[in-house]
Amino acid sequence: MRSIRTEVLDHVIIINERHLHAVLTEYINYYNVDRPYRSLNLQSPVPRAPTRDGPVVRRPVLGGLHHVYARAA
C-alpha cells in the first residue's frame, strides 16, 4: 500500500471512481510485470527472456510518471 501511495497517488489527482480504477489497474500491471525488484536481482515477479540485440526503447507508464525500458525486437 505504501508504494502505490508514494509512487502514484501522491502525484496524480484522481477525478472519479472510474479514473481511480484505471490508474490502479495500470499501476498493478506495471508493479507485477515491469517494475524491477532489488530482492529479485532487478527482475520483475513475471520474468521475461533477456534480449541483447536491438535499440533500447522507452514506454511511458501512467502518463509518463514512470517509464519502462526494454530492447525493441
Protein backbone atom coordinates (compact mmCIF):
# COMPACT_ATOMS: atom_id res chain seq x y z
CA MET A 1 0.00 0.00 0.00
CA ARG A 2 2.83 2.40 0.74
CA SER A 3 4.42 2.01 -2.69
CA ILE A 4 1.18 2.74 -4.55
CA ARG A 5 0.70 5.85 -2.48
CA THR A 6 4.26 7.18 -2.81
CA GLU A 7 4.72 6.16 -6.45
CA VAL A 8 1.28 7.11 -7.79
CA LEU A 9 -1.39 8.63 -5.58
CA ASP A 10 0.84 11.39 -4.20
CA HIS A 11 1.42 12.55 -7.81
CA VAL A 12 -1.95 12.08 -9.52
CA ILE A 13 -5.20 13.93 -8.92
CA ILE A 14 -7.98 11.37 -9.03
CA ILE A 15 -11.10 12.70 -10.75
CA ASN A 16 -13.66 9.98 -10.01
CA GLU A 17 -14.03 6.28 -9.22
CA ARG A 18 -13.59 5.22 -12.84
CA HIS A 19 -10.36 7.20 -13.09
CA LEU A 20 -9.11 5.65 -9.83
CA HIS A 21 -9.86 2.17 -11.17
CA ALA A 22 -7.98 2.88 -14.42
CA VAL A 23 -4.95 4.29 -12.56
CA LEU A 24 -4.84 1.37 -10.12
CA THR A 25 -5.20 -1.20 -12.91
CA GLU A 26 -2.33 0.30 -14.89
CA TYR A 27 -0.12 0.55 -11.78
CA ILE A 28 -0.84 -3.05 -10.73
CA ASN A 29 0.17 -4.25 -14.18
CA TYR A 30 3.36 -2.15 -14.04
CA TYR A 31 4.11 -3.33 -10.48
CA ASN A 32 3.75 -7.03 -11.29
CA VAL A 33 5.15 -7.17 -14.83
CA ASP A 34 7.64 -4.34 -15.41
CA ARG A 35 8.86 -2.87 -12.12
CA PRO A 36 12.34 -4.11 -11.11
CA TYR A 37 12.82 -5.50 -7.59
CA ARG A 38 16.18 -5.39 -5.82
CA SER A 39 15.36 -8.57 -3.91
CA LEU A 40 14.84 -10.34 -7.27
CA ASN A 41 18.15 -9.12 -8.72
CA LEU A 42 16.40 -6.25 -10.56
CA GLN A 43 13.94 -8.63 -12.23
CA SER A 44 10.16 -8.42 -12.09
CA PRO A 45 7.95 -11.08 -10.48
CA VAL A 46 6.88 -12.10 -14.00
CA PRO A 47 10.25 -12.89 -15.64
CA ARG A 48 10.97 -12.08 -19.28
CA ALA A 49 13.61 -13.60 -21.52
CA PRO A 50 16.51 -11.10 -21.79
CA THR A 51 17.43 -9.79 -25.22
CA ARG A 52 20.78 -8.27 -26.08
CA ASP A 53 20.10 -7.03 -29.61
CA GLY A 54 18.09 -4.08 -30.81
CA PRO A 55 17.74 -0.48 -29.71
CA VAL A 56 16.51 0.42 -26.25
CA VAL A 57 13.00 1.87 -26.29
CA ARG A 58 11.13 3.70 -23.55
CA ARG A 59 7.45 3.11 -22.78
CA PRO A 60 5.68 5.60 -20.51
CA VAL A 61 3.50 4.25 -17.71
CA LEU A 62 0.77 6.30 -16.02
CA GLY A 63 1.13 9.17 -18.44
CA GLY A 64 4.91 9.35 -18.04
CA LEU A 65 5.04 9.16 -14.25
CA HIS A 66 7.12 6.00 -14.66
CA HIS A 67 8.94 4.56 -17.65
CA VAL A 68 9.77 1.02 -18.73
CA TYR A 69 12.94 0.48 -20.76
CA ALA A 70 13.35 -2.59 -22.97
CA ARG A 71 15.06 -3.64 -26.13
CA ALA A 72 12.98 -3.50 -29.31
CA ALA A 73 12.68 -6.77 -31.17
